[in-house]
Every structure is written in structure tokens, then in C-alpha cells.
Amino acid sequence: MIQEADLETLRKVVHGPLNSPGEPGYADDTAGFNPSVIQRPDAVLGAAAVEDVQNAVRWAAERGIPVGIQATGHGAAAAMDEGLLINTSRLQDLAVDPDAGTVTVGAGVRWRAVLEETVLLGLTGPHGSSGTVGVAGYASGGGLPLMGRALGFASDHVQAIDVVTPDGSLRHLEAGSAEDAGLFAALRGGKGNFGVITSMTLGLTPFQEFYGGGIMYPEDAGTEALAAFRAWTPQLPTDVSASLAFLHLPDVPFLPEELRGTSPVHLRFAVFGSREEGDTLLEPMRHVSAPFMDTAGPMDYGAVGSIHMDPDEPVPSLDRGTLLAELPDELAAGLLGQVGPGSHTPLMMTELRLMGGSLALDPPFEDAVSGREAAYNLYSVGLNVPPAADVTAAALDRLDVVVGPYTAGALINLRGPARTAAGAQPAWDPEVFGRLQAAKAAYDPQNLFRFGHTVPLPV
């Protein structure tokens, strides 16, 4: 428990609100995008400027008080029950440089705000399926873009980072620089284990035409749709994005009315290309079963978030993700048994996303992303409120048993809750994990940042 005298000392050197449990502002600054993960730190600071972050980290380091980080709240992988939480959502600077083809954002900026500025210029960034996600937190976990097969991981596009390290220093890191190269690598895939990112610069990608959307099949077409998807995806060009999701949707207000209480199969598709190119590529999947919805076609890139139809509002959920090395017949059959037609699974969505393309390429500079060799990413999510919570957890466990022999690691942003049980495997592959531990020992020997998907100090 942090002493009130220590909090008064911190209040004197910060401009943003500093609140303890029960005080005004505490609930808002600790709330994440997943309401079922409840943060209960001893205090929360709503950082008003970079100087607030520096002063708070120095204050915490002097007292050995652990520090957590939150911006948009999408990355809360474990409940925080002590220490100081630094909320960086107020760091909203956003600057686009069209000539350089870059965007520089504060730690609280969401992808939707970036696209509002860049799409009008014919530029886009390596964003995910939802525009509500924060840029810095997303890229610090590697970031699997919606157009990842064309662009690679979000971390591949990071050109510079400003970060407050555990000694309170504000360090400016640049791609290609030998100075703090290990820290630059660790921050692109290693999440919040090494300091507080306050600003990030990413390269943008020019585009002209864009084709995207989805096809909805009835539940009983699930077996046919998965077979067609497996035959179709190996034929796709390496810059085409595609995924297949088995939906089992509850009758709840946050869903479109026509989909509530239904169990469709949803094909998601996107390519930087023309109507002719998109229609040609998508044609085989349009002949599968009897689709009852087809939204794929040329589209305004500003509406790209509609492809996956991710919720814009917080949903209490439990999720889990893993990379698959392959998708053989026996695994396909096992997946259908768990989430396919007639499974009555409580999982709202189970998505198979095609990897490969630029996602399989080596990064331009060393990073901490695992899984570039994977064939698919499997991601499942269900409601995490009573009485659904227990059955959701059980369904995820059963799915783990089915996919276990075929897994190839995990993407940290999509892995789900942090696993802290004795013997739990690290989220990163052994080589990457070893480098992250070396960076932890070099930059955070006090283990000040130890919440979420943690990198422990080497033994």
C-alpha cells in the first residue's frame, strides 16, 4: 500500500490527476476496454505530459513501487492489484508528415484518429481490425495488421520511439541507430516491460484503390466453408488478407440486430486493388453454399473497420490466441467439432487468420516478434460475465487441447490473459525471450514494470 505522504510528494511534481480508490477519476483512469479485467492499483496517475511520466517513474523507482501502464485499455492482460498505474491516454499529439511518409503519435492516440488524417492523403498505416486500439500499445506488441500480408507487422514500420525508462530518463530511439538498439528491439514486441512509451513514429504506406468486405454463410455451411477456405488460401497472392470466423452470437444489444442470436460463418477479405482484381480473387468463395450477406467490393478506406465488425464499445470478454504451424485435415475436423455447425459453443468468435506474405519476412531491424513462420493465427473470444464466464473458460480449454499439437507460439497482443501459473510457457519463443530477458536486466534490473505479459529478470 502506498503511503499518503508519498502520494502527496508525487502530487507536487505532476500536473495530471492522481487518484486513489474511491476518489473521483480513479474508476475512469483504471477502466480498460475489457470490463471483466478490473484494475485495482494503489493509485492511478492520468499523465498530462511527458514530464508527468518521468516524475512518476522516478518517484516509483526511489520507493520500489511497481508501475503499470495503460492508454486505451486494450492491453490489460492481467488485473493489477498494487502499485502505481500510469494512464497515458491524455498524450494525444498527432503529426502526419506526408513528404516523409510518417506519422508521429502520442501514447494515447488511437488508430481511428490516424486514419482520419492519413486516408485523405492517400496514406495508411499498419493498423489492425479495430480503429479503437491505441497505436503505441499495439505496435509495442508487434501488431498484426488487417493488411499484414501486404505490410508485415506494425513493429516493422516503427521508425522512432520516445520512452521513459525505469531511471526516469526520456530516451529517443531511432531505427538503425546503434545506441540503445537492444531497447529499440525489445519495445517492438516486448510490450510494457521496459518503460513507458510516450511517443512513436511509424512509416505510412501509399495506396490508391482498396477492395474489402465480407461474406456471411449460414451455420450449416461451416464444414463446406472451411474446406473451401483451406483450398483457396494457398492460391492467394501474398498481399491479400483473408480470415474465416465461426460466430456464435448472443442476443445482446452491442451486436447488429439482424445478427443477434445467430451463428453465421464470416469470411473477411481485403486487398489493395481494383474491383476487377478483388472480384476475381474472391470468386471461388462466392460459390460456396448460399451466402446470405456479401459486402465485399471497392470501399472507402476510412470504413475499413467494418470488415471485421469488431465492437467499438467495451465488452466483458475472455480470449485466447495461438499460432498454427499448419492446418491438416485432423485439425480442421477438430476445430469444426469445437466451434462448427451444431457445436453450440459459448465462444462468440473463433477466427482463422491467414499469415504469410510480408508477415513471414525478416524485420528491417531486430525486434521481439515471434511467429513469423506460422501459417495461421487462431483467435477465440467469449463473454466473461456470470453465468457465461465458466463455460467460456472451459470451451477455451477444450479448444487448446485440440490445437495443442499444431501450435507455433503466439502473438503477444492476441494471446489472451497473462499466464502466471508455475510452469507456464513464456509468450515469446526461446530465442526472443532470451533477448528480452537480457534487455530487462540491462534497463529494468529493479523489475519496476512487472504487470501484464511479463518478462522476468534472468535467474
Protein backbone atom coordinates (compact mmCIF):
# COMPACT_ATOMS: atom_id res chain seq x y z
CA MET A 1 0.00 0.00 0.00
CA ILE A 2 1.34 3.42 -0.96
CA GLN A 3 1.51 5.85 1.93
CA GLU A 4 -0.48 9.08 1.70
CA ALA A 5 2.67 11.11 2.43
CA ASP A 6 4.33 9.56 -0.62
CA LEU A 7 1.30 10.38 -2.79
CA GLU A 8 1.46 13.99 -1.62
CA THR A 9 5.08 14.10 -2.71
CA LEU A 10 4.08 12.88 -6.17
CA ARG A 11 1.18 15.33 -6.43
CA LYS A 12 3.62 18.21 -6.06
CA VAL A 13 5.56 17.25 -9.20
CA VAL A 14 2.78 16.23 -11.63
CA HIS A 15 0.05 18.19 -13.40
CA GLY A 16 -2.36 15.36 -14.22
CA PRO A 17 -4.87 13.91 -11.75
CA LEU A 18 -3.56 11.47 -9.16
CA ASN A 19 -6.28 9.39 -7.52
CA SER A 20 -6.60 6.59 -5.00
CA PRO A 21 -9.51 4.09 -4.80
CA GLY A 22 -12.81 5.83 -4.16
CA GLU A 23 -11.62 9.23 -5.35
CA PRO A 24 -13.13 10.99 -8.39
CA GLY A 25 -11.40 9.93 -11.57
CA TYR A 26 -9.98 6.66 -10.22
CA ALA A 27 -12.58 4.46 -11.93
CA ASP A 28 -12.26 6.24 -15.29
CA ASP A 29 -8.46 6.13 -15.39
CA THR A 30 -8.24 2.48 -14.34
CA ALA A 31 -11.03 1.21 -16.63
CA GLY A 32 -9.92 -0.90 -19.58
CA PHE A 33 -11.65 -1.99 -22.77
CA ASN A 34 -12.45 -5.33 -21.16
CA PRO A 35 -14.67 -4.57 -18.12
CA SER A 36 -14.08 -8.04 -16.70
CA VAL A 37 -10.41 -7.18 -16.06
CA ILE A 38 -10.65 -4.84 -13.08
CA GLN A 39 -7.58 -2.80 -12.25
CA ARG A 40 -7.10 -2.02 -8.55
CA PRO A 41 -3.76 -0.22 -8.22
CA ASP A 42 -2.99 1.71 -5.07
CA ALA A 43 -3.11 4.89 -7.16
CA VAL A 44 -3.53 5.99 -10.76
CA LEU A 45 -1.92 8.97 -12.46
CA GLY A 46 -3.55 10.50 -15.52
CA ALA A 47 -0.35 11.81 -17.08
CA ALA A 48 -0.93 15.25 -18.60
CA ALA A 49 2.50 15.47 -20.22
CA VAL A 50 5.71 13.53 -20.72
CA GLU A 51 7.18 15.27 -17.66
CA ASP A 52 4.44 13.72 -15.53
CA VAL A 53 5.53 10.28 -16.69
CA GLN A 54 9.19 10.99 -15.93
CA ASN A 55 8.48 12.35 -12.47
CA ALA A 56 6.14 9.48 -11.63
CA VAL A 57 8.63 6.81 -12.73
CA ARG A 58 11.45 8.45 -10.76
CA TRP A 59 9.18 8.66 -7.72
CA ALA A 60 8.22 5.00 -8.02
CA ALA A 61 11.80 3.83 -8.57
CA GLU A 62 13.02 5.66 -5.47
CA ARG A 63 10.42 3.84 -3.37
CA GLY A 64 10.44 0.46 -5.11
CA ILE A 65 6.79 0.86 -6.09
CA PRO A 66 5.82 -1.23 -9.16
CA VAL A 67 4.42 0.59 -12.18
CA GLY A 68 1.75 -0.39 -14.70
CA ILE A 69 0.89 1.35 -17.97
CA GLN A 70 -2.46 1.90 -19.67
CA ALA A 71 -3.61 4.04 -22.58
CA THR A 72 -6.73 2.80 -24.37
CA GLY A 73 -7.02 -0.23 -22.10
CA HIS A 74 -6.97 -2.89 -24.82
CA GLY A 75 -3.82 -4.50 -23.48
CA ALA A 76 -4.93 -5.35 -19.93
CA ALA A 77 -3.81 -8.98 -19.79
CA ALA A 78 -3.97 -9.34 -16.00
CA ALA A 79 -5.62 -7.47 -13.17
CA MET A 80 -3.28 -5.03 -11.41
CA ASP A 81 -3.77 -5.06 -7.62
CA GLU A 82 -0.95 -2.87 -6.30
CA GLY A 83 1.44 -0.12 -7.26
CA LEU A 84 1.00 2.92 -9.47
CA LEU A 85 -0.86 2.81 -12.77
CA ILE A 86 0.20 5.49 -15.26
CA ASN A 87 -2.60 6.29 -17.69
CA THR A 88 -1.17 7.80 -20.88
CA SER A 89 -4.46 8.36 -22.72
CA ARG A 90 -4.10 12.17 -22.46
CA LEU A 91 -0.95 12.15 -24.61
CA GLN A 92 -2.80 12.96 -27.82
CA ASP A 93 -0.25 14.68 -30.08
CA LEU A 94 -0.62 13.56 -33.70
CA ALA A 95 1.51 14.82 -36.60
CA VAL A 96 1.50 13.49 -40.17
CA ASP A 97 4.46 14.26 -42.44
CA PRO A 98 3.23 13.49 -45.97
CA ASP A 99 6.63 14.20 -47.53
CA ALA A 100 8.44 11.81 -45.23
CA GLY A 101 5.50 9.38 -45.26
CA THR A 102 5.35 9.14 -41.47
CA VAL A 103 3.01 9.73 -38.56
CA THR A 104 4.14 10.59 -35.03
CA VAL A 105 1.65 9.92 -32.26
CA GLY A 106 1.41 10.35 -28.53
CA ALA A 107 0.87 7.26 -26.43
CA GLY A 108 -2.91 7.80 -26.17
CA VAL A 109 -3.68 8.16 -29.89
CA ARG A 110 -5.96 5.53 -31.44
CA TRP A 111 -5.67 4.17 -34.96
CA ARG A 112 -9.03 5.68 -35.93
CA ALA A 113 -7.63 9.19 -35.37
CA VAL A 114 -4.58 8.35 -37.50
CA LEU A 115 -6.69 7.09 -40.39
CA GLU A 116 -8.86 10.20 -40.27
CA GLU A 117 -5.73 12.22 -41.02
CA THR A 118 -3.92 9.92 -43.44
CA VAL A 119 -6.60 8.39 -45.70
CA LEU A 120 -7.40 11.78 -47.23
CA LEU A 121 -3.73 11.95 -48.23
CA GLY A 122 -3.78 8.51 -49.86
CA LEU A 123 -1.76 7.03 -46.99
CA THR A 124 -2.43 4.34 -44.45
CA GLY A 125 -0.62 2.65 -41.58
CA PRO A 126 -0.24 -0.91 -40.29
CA HIS A 127 -3.43 -0.87 -38.20
CA GLY A 128 -5.47 -3.82 -37.00
CA SER A 129 -9.10 -4.70 -37.49
CA SER A 130 -10.35 -2.14 -34.93
CA GLY A 131 -9.79 1.60 -35.01
CA THR A 132 -10.32 1.94 -31.25
CA VAL A 133 -6.96 0.35 -30.45
CA GLY A 134 -4.06 2.59 -29.43
CA VAL A 135 -1.18 2.90 -31.87
CA ALA A 136 1.72 2.71 -29.40
CA GLY A 137 0.42 -0.19 -27.32
CA TYR A 138 -0.50 -2.12 -30.45
CA ALA A 139 2.89 -1.68 -32.13
CA SER A 140 4.78 -2.40 -28.90
CA GLY A 141 3.21 -5.88 -29.03
CA GLY A 142 4.25 -6.37 -32.65
CA GLY A 143 0.81 -5.63 -34.07
CA LEU A 144 -0.90 -7.94 -36.60
CA PRO A 145 -2.31 -5.53 -39.22
CA LEU A 146 -5.51 -6.13 -41.10
CA MET A 147 -3.33 -5.80 -44.22
CA GLY A 148 -0.44 -7.67 -42.63
CA ARG A 149 0.28 -9.95 -45.59
CA ALA A 150 0.92 -6.82 -47.65
CA LEU A 151 2.59 -4.71 -44.96
CA GLY A 152 4.16 -7.02 -42.40
CA PHE A 153 3.86 -6.46 -38.67
CA ALA A 154 3.22 -2.99 -37.27
CA SER A 155 6.56 -3.12 -35.46
CA ASP A 156 8.27 -3.39 -38.86
CA HIS A 157 7.13 0.17 -39.58
CA VAL A 158 8.28 1.79 -36.34
CA GLN A 159 10.96 4.36 -37.09
CA ALA A 160 11.38 6.05 -33.71
CA ILE A 161 10.23 5.73 -30.11
CA ASP A 162 10.34 8.09 -27.15
CA VAL A 163 10.33 6.08 -23.92
CA VAL A 164 10.73 6.87 -20.25
CA THR A 165 12.95 4.14 -18.84
CA PRO A 166 12.92 2.99 -15.18
CA ASP A 167 15.53 5.58 -14.21
CA GLY A 168 13.14 8.36 -15.31
CA SER A 169 15.19 9.25 -18.39
CA LEU A 170 13.40 10.15 -21.62
CA ARG A 171 15.22 8.29 -24.37
CA HIS A 172 14.74 8.89 -28.08
CA LEU A 173 15.36 5.69 -30.03
CA GLU A 174 15.70 5.52 -33.80
CA ALA A 175 15.71 2.62 -36.23
CA GLY A 176 19.21 1.77 -37.37
CA SER A 177 20.95 3.54 -34.51
CA ALA A 178 23.48 1.54 -32.52
CA GLU A 179 22.61 3.46 -29.36
CA ASP A 180 20.09 1.51 -27.28
CA ALA A 181 19.49 -0.88 -30.18
CA GLY A 182 18.59 -3.66 -27.75
CA LEU A 183 15.94 -1.48 -26.13
CA PHE A 184 14.52 -0.45 -29.52
CA ALA A 185 14.23 -4.14 -30.42
CA ALA A 186 12.62 -5.06 -27.08
CA LEU A 187 9.99 -2.32 -27.32
CA ARG A 188 8.78 -3.68 -30.67
CA GLY A 189 7.13 -6.87 -29.46
CA GLY A 190 8.06 -6.90 -25.77
CA LYS A 191 5.09 -4.79 -24.57
CA GLY A 192 5.36 -2.68 -21.39
CA ASN A 193 8.25 -4.44 -19.70
CA PHE A 194 10.94 -1.83 -20.19
CA GLY A 195 9.44 1.62 -19.71
CA VAL A 196 6.60 3.94 -20.67
CA ILE A 197 6.35 4.77 -24.37
CA THR A 198 5.28 8.40 -24.71
CA SER A 199 5.58 8.85 -28.48
CA MET A 200 6.10 6.72 -31.57
CA THR A 201 6.83 7.42 -35.24
CA LEU A 202 5.70 4.93 -37.89
CA GLY A 203 6.11 4.80 -41.63
CA LEU A 204 2.98 5.11 -43.74
CA THR A 205 2.08 3.29 -46.97
CA PRO A 206 0.60 4.98 -50.05
CA PHE A 207 -2.43 3.34 -51.68
CA GLN A 208 -4.91 4.11 -54.43
CA GLU A 209 -7.65 1.51 -54.73
CA PHE A 210 -8.93 -0.71 -51.96
CA TYR A 211 -11.28 -3.68 -52.07
CA GLY A 212 -12.62 -5.26 -48.92
CA GLY A 213 -15.58 -6.66 -47.07
CA GLY A 214 -17.04 -9.97 -46.04
CA ILE A 215 -19.28 -12.87 -46.97
CA MET A 216 -21.69 -14.42 -44.46
CA TYR A 217 -22.62 -18.10 -44.77
CA PRO A 218 -25.28 -19.90 -42.73
CA GLU A 219 -24.10 -22.02 -39.83
CA ASP A 220 -24.76 -25.31 -41.59
CA ALA A 221 -22.32 -24.28 -44.34
CA GLY A 222 -19.42 -24.22 -41.86
CA THR A 223 -17.84 -27.51 -42.96
CA GLU A 224 -18.04 -26.57 -46.63
CA ALA A 225 -16.78 -23.04 -45.99
CA LEU A 226 -13.73 -24.25 -44.05
CA ALA A 227 -12.85 -26.82 -46.75
CA ALA A 228 -13.13 -24.13 -49.43
CA PHE A 229 -11.08 -21.67 -47.36
CA ARG A 230 -8.28 -24.21 -46.91
CA ALA A 231 -8.18 -24.91 -50.65
CA TRP A 232 -8.44 -21.23 -51.62
CA THR A 233 -5.92 -19.52 -49.34
CA PRO A 234 -2.77 -21.19 -50.75
CA GLN A 235 -3.67 -19.76 -54.17
CA LEU A 236 -3.94 -16.15 -52.99
CA PRO A 237 -1.26 -13.59 -53.84
CA THR A 238 0.99 -12.77 -50.91
CA ASP A 239 -0.50 -9.28 -50.46
CA VAL A 240 -4.10 -10.45 -49.94
CA SER A 241 -5.58 -10.66 -46.45
CA ALA A 242 -8.22 -13.24 -45.55
CA SER A 243 -9.71 -14.89 -42.49
CA LEU A 244 -12.64 -17.15 -41.65
CA ALA A 245 -14.57 -16.72 -38.41
CA PHE A 246 -17.11 -19.03 -36.81
CA LEU A 247 -19.57 -16.77 -35.00
CA HIS A 248 -21.98 -17.83 -32.27
CA LEU A 249 -23.55 -14.56 -31.32
CA PRO A 250 -25.62 -13.94 -28.20
CA ASP A 251 -28.76 -11.85 -28.29
CA VAL A 252 -27.16 -8.71 -26.83
CA PRO A 253 -27.54 -5.00 -27.64
CA PHE A 254 -23.94 -4.39 -28.81
CA LEU A 255 -24.49 -6.55 -31.94
CA PRO A 256 -26.34 -5.58 -35.14
CA GLU A 257 -29.97 -6.58 -34.70
CA GLU A 258 -30.01 -8.90 -37.72
CA LEU A 259 -27.11 -10.95 -36.27
CA ARG A 260 -28.22 -11.28 -32.65
CA GLY A 261 -28.69 -14.88 -31.60
CA THR A 262 -27.34 -16.30 -34.88
CA SER A 263 -24.31 -18.49 -35.74
CA PRO A 264 -23.04 -17.49 -39.19
CA VAL A 265 -19.63 -18.16 -40.70
CA HIS A 266 -17.90 -14.94 -41.74
CA LEU A 267 -15.24 -14.66 -44.44
CA ARG A 268 -13.19 -11.45 -44.16
CA PHE A 269 -11.23 -10.26 -47.22
CA ALA A 270 -9.09 -7.26 -48.21
CA VAL A 271 -6.63 -6.25 -50.92
CA PHE A 272 -5.12 -3.04 -52.22
CA GLY A 273 -6.64 -3.43 -55.67
CA SER A 274 -9.46 -2.76 -58.12
CA ARG A 275 -12.98 -4.16 -58.34
CA GLU A 276 -11.87 -6.47 -61.12
CA GLU A 277 -8.95 -7.82 -59.12
CA GLY A 278 -10.97 -8.24 -55.96
CA ASP A 279 -13.90 -9.92 -57.67
CA THR A 280 -11.59 -12.34 -59.46
CA LEU A 281 -9.79 -13.34 -56.28
CA LEU A 282 -12.98 -13.71 -54.28
CA GLU A 283 -14.97 -15.58 -56.92
CA PRO A 284 -14.31 -19.12 -55.62
CA MET A 285 -15.63 -18.25 -52.16
CA ARG A 286 -18.77 -16.62 -53.59
CA HIS A 287 -19.82 -20.01 -54.90
CA VAL A 288 -19.59 -21.72 -51.54
CA SER A 289 -23.01 -22.75 -50.20
CA ALA A 290 -25.65 -20.00 -50.21
CA PRO A 291 -24.23 -16.76 -48.71
CA PHE A 292 -26.88 -14.56 -47.15
CA MET A 293 -24.70 -11.43 -46.99
CA ASP A 294 -21.93 -10.15 -49.27
CA THR A 295 -20.41 -6.75 -48.50
CA ALA A 296 -17.15 -7.18 -50.43
CA GLY A 297 -16.29 -4.61 -53.06
CA PRO A 298 -14.46 -1.32 -53.60
CA MET A 299 -14.72 0.64 -50.39
CA ASP A 300 -13.76 3.87 -48.71
CA TYR A 301 -10.66 3.00 -46.72
CA GLY A 302 -11.96 5.17 -43.90
CA ALA A 303 -14.57 2.46 -43.30
CA VAL A 304 -12.01 -0.35 -43.15
CA GLY A 305 -13.06 -1.19 -39.58
CA SER A 306 -16.37 -2.52 -40.89
CA ILE A 307 -14.69 -5.57 -42.44
CA HIS A 308 -14.25 -7.50 -39.19
CA MET A 309 -17.13 -5.76 -37.39
CA ASP A 310 -15.22 -5.57 -34.10
CA PRO A 311 -17.22 -3.90 -31.29
CA ASP A 312 -16.48 -0.23 -30.66
CA GLU A 313 -17.66 -0.36 -27.07
CA PRO A 314 -16.12 -2.33 -24.17
CA VAL A 315 -17.29 -5.93 -23.85
CA PRO A 316 -16.56 -8.19 -20.85
CA SER A 317 -14.69 -10.98 -22.55
CA LEU A 318 -12.23 -13.82 -22.18
CA ASP A 319 -9.99 -14.50 -25.14
CA ARG A 320 -7.15 -16.75 -26.20
CA GLY A 321 -4.95 -16.93 -29.26
CA THR A 322 -2.30 -19.18 -30.75
CA LEU A 323 -0.33 -19.50 -33.95
CA LEU A 324 -0.72 -22.64 -36.04
CA ALA A 325 2.16 -24.18 -37.95
CA GLU A 326 -0.29 -25.93 -40.30
CA LEU A 327 -3.95 -26.80 -40.74
CA PRO A 328 -4.17 -30.51 -41.64
CA ASP A 329 -7.38 -32.47 -42.07
CA GLU A 330 -7.43 -33.77 -38.50
CA LEU A 331 -7.07 -30.28 -37.03
CA ALA A 332 -9.78 -28.90 -39.32
CA ALA A 333 -12.10 -31.67 -38.16
CA GLY A 334 -11.23 -30.95 -34.53
CA LEU A 335 -11.95 -27.24 -34.95
CA LEU A 336 -15.31 -27.97 -36.54
CA GLY A 337 -16.17 -30.22 -33.63
CA GLN A 338 -15.44 -27.42 -31.19
CA VAL A 339 -16.88 -24.36 -32.94
CA GLY A 340 -18.52 -25.54 -36.16
CA PRO A 341 -22.13 -26.38 -37.07
CA GLY A 342 -24.11 -27.81 -34.17
CA SER A 343 -21.29 -27.35 -31.65
CA HIS A 344 -23.37 -24.97 -29.51
CA THR A 345 -20.09 -23.46 -28.33
CA PRO A 346 -20.30 -20.48 -25.97
CA LEU A 347 -17.41 -18.83 -27.84
CA MET A 348 -18.72 -15.78 -29.70
CA MET A 349 -15.98 -15.89 -32.32
CA THR A 350 -13.22 -18.21 -33.41
CA GLU A 351 -11.16 -16.81 -36.26
CA LEU A 352 -8.58 -18.43 -38.51
CA ARG A 353 -6.47 -15.64 -39.99
CA LEU A 354 -4.10 -16.35 -42.87
CA MET A 355 -0.48 -15.50 -42.11
CA GLY A 356 2.43 -15.50 -44.56
CA GLY A 357 3.28 -12.89 -47.18
CA SER A 358 5.17 -9.95 -45.66
CA LEU A 359 4.41 -11.30 -42.17
CA ALA A 360 6.90 -14.08 -42.92
CA LEU A 361 9.75 -11.73 -43.85
CA ASP A 362 12.61 -10.82 -41.54
CA PRO A 363 12.13 -7.39 -39.92
CA PRO A 364 14.19 -4.45 -41.21
CA PHE A 365 15.68 -4.15 -37.71
CA GLU A 366 15.82 -6.71 -34.91
CA ASP A 367 12.59 -6.89 -32.90
CA ALA A 368 10.82 -9.13 -30.38
CA VAL A 369 8.04 -10.59 -32.53
CA SER A 370 7.59 -14.35 -32.51
CA GLY A 371 5.78 -16.47 -35.06
CA ARG A 372 6.77 -15.11 -38.44
CA GLU A 373 6.86 -18.67 -39.82
CA ALA A 374 3.25 -19.52 -38.83
CA ALA A 375 0.56 -20.47 -41.33
CA TYR A 376 -2.50 -19.19 -39.44
CA ASN A 377 -3.40 -17.31 -36.29
CA LEU A 378 -6.30 -18.81 -34.32
CA TYR A 379 -8.13 -16.43 -32.02
CA SER A 380 -11.23 -17.12 -29.89
CA VAL A 381 -13.29 -14.94 -27.59
CA GLY A 382 -16.38 -15.39 -25.43
CA LEU A 383 -18.34 -13.47 -22.82
CA ASN A 384 -16.77 -13.27 -19.39
CA VAL A 385 -19.72 -12.49 -17.15
CA PRO A 386 -21.67 -14.93 -14.96
CA PRO A 387 -23.02 -17.41 -15.79
CA ALA A 388 -21.18 -17.43 -19.15
CA ALA A 389 -17.68 -16.98 -17.71
CA ASP A 390 -17.13 -20.57 -16.56
CA VAL A 391 -18.42 -22.17 -19.75
CA THR A 392 -16.33 -19.76 -21.86
CA ALA A 393 -13.18 -20.72 -19.95
CA ALA A 394 -13.98 -24.42 -20.30
CA ALA A 395 -14.59 -24.07 -24.04
CA LEU A 396 -11.24 -22.31 -24.47
CA ASP A 397 -9.52 -25.10 -22.56
CA ARG A 398 -11.11 -27.74 -24.79
CA LEU A 399 -10.03 -25.83 -27.87
CA ASP A 400 -6.47 -25.68 -26.50
CA VAL A 401 -6.39 -29.46 -26.25
CA VAL A 402 -7.45 -29.82 -29.89
CA VAL A 403 -4.95 -27.33 -31.32
CA GLY A 404 -2.08 -28.07 -28.92
CA PRO A 405 -0.10 -30.43 -31.21
CA TYR A 406 -0.14 -27.88 -34.04
CA THR A 407 0.73 -24.66 -32.25
CA ALA A 408 3.69 -22.48 -33.21
CA GLY A 409 3.81 -19.93 -30.39
CA ALA A 410 1.56 -16.90 -30.05
CA LEU A 411 1.28 -13.24 -30.93
CA ILE A 412 1.50 -11.35 -27.66
CA ASN A 413 -1.35 -8.91 -28.43
CA LEU A 414 -3.70 -11.79 -29.22
CA ARG A 415 -2.57 -14.37 -26.67
CA GLY A 416 -5.21 -13.51 -24.10
CA PRO A 417 -4.75 -13.27 -20.33
CA ALA A 418 -1.24 -13.47 -18.92
CA ARG A 419 -0.38 -16.95 -17.69
CA THR A 420 1.29 -16.88 -14.30
CA ALA A 421 0.93 -20.47 -13.10
CA ALA A 422 4.11 -22.38 -12.30
CA GLY A 423 5.47 -23.96 -15.47
CA ALA A 424 3.51 -21.68 -17.81
CA GLN A 425 5.34 -21.15 -21.08
CA PRO A 426 6.56 -17.64 -21.94
CA ALA A 427 4.60 -15.82 -24.61
CA TRP A 428 7.70 -15.49 -26.79
CA ASP A 429 9.80 -18.16 -28.47
CA PRO A 430 13.03 -19.09 -26.63
CA GLU A 431 15.42 -17.01 -28.72
CA VAL A 432 13.31 -13.87 -28.47
CA PHE A 433 12.62 -14.48 -24.79
CA GLY A 434 16.34 -14.70 -24.09
CA ARG A 435 16.94 -11.32 -25.71
CA LEU A 436 14.05 -9.79 -23.79
CA GLN A 437 15.45 -11.05 -20.51
CA ALA A 438 18.83 -9.52 -21.37
CA ALA A 439 17.12 -6.18 -22.06
CA LYS A 440 15.18 -6.49 -18.80
CA ALA A 441 18.38 -6.96 -16.84
CA ALA A 442 20.00 -4.01 -18.59
CA TYR A 443 17.16 -1.48 -18.40
CA ASP A 444 14.90 -2.59 -15.52
CA PRO A 445 17.03 -4.51 -13.00
CA GLN A 446 14.62 -3.37 -10.25
CA ASN A 447 11.74 -5.06 -12.11
CA LEU A 448 9.68 -1.91 -11.78
CA PHE A 449 7.46 -2.86 -14.76
CA ARG A 450 6.02 -6.25 -13.90
CA PHE A 451 2.36 -6.32 -14.89
CA GLY A 452 0.61 -7.99 -17.84
CA HIS A 453 2.63 -10.26 -20.11
CA THR A 454 5.78 -10.07 -18.03
CA VAL A 455 9.40 -10.71 -18.81
CA PRO A 456 11.06 -11.83 -15.56
CA LEU A 457 14.62 -10.99 -14.74
CA PRO A 458 17.06 -13.79 -15.65
CA VAL A 459 17.85 -16.14 -12.78
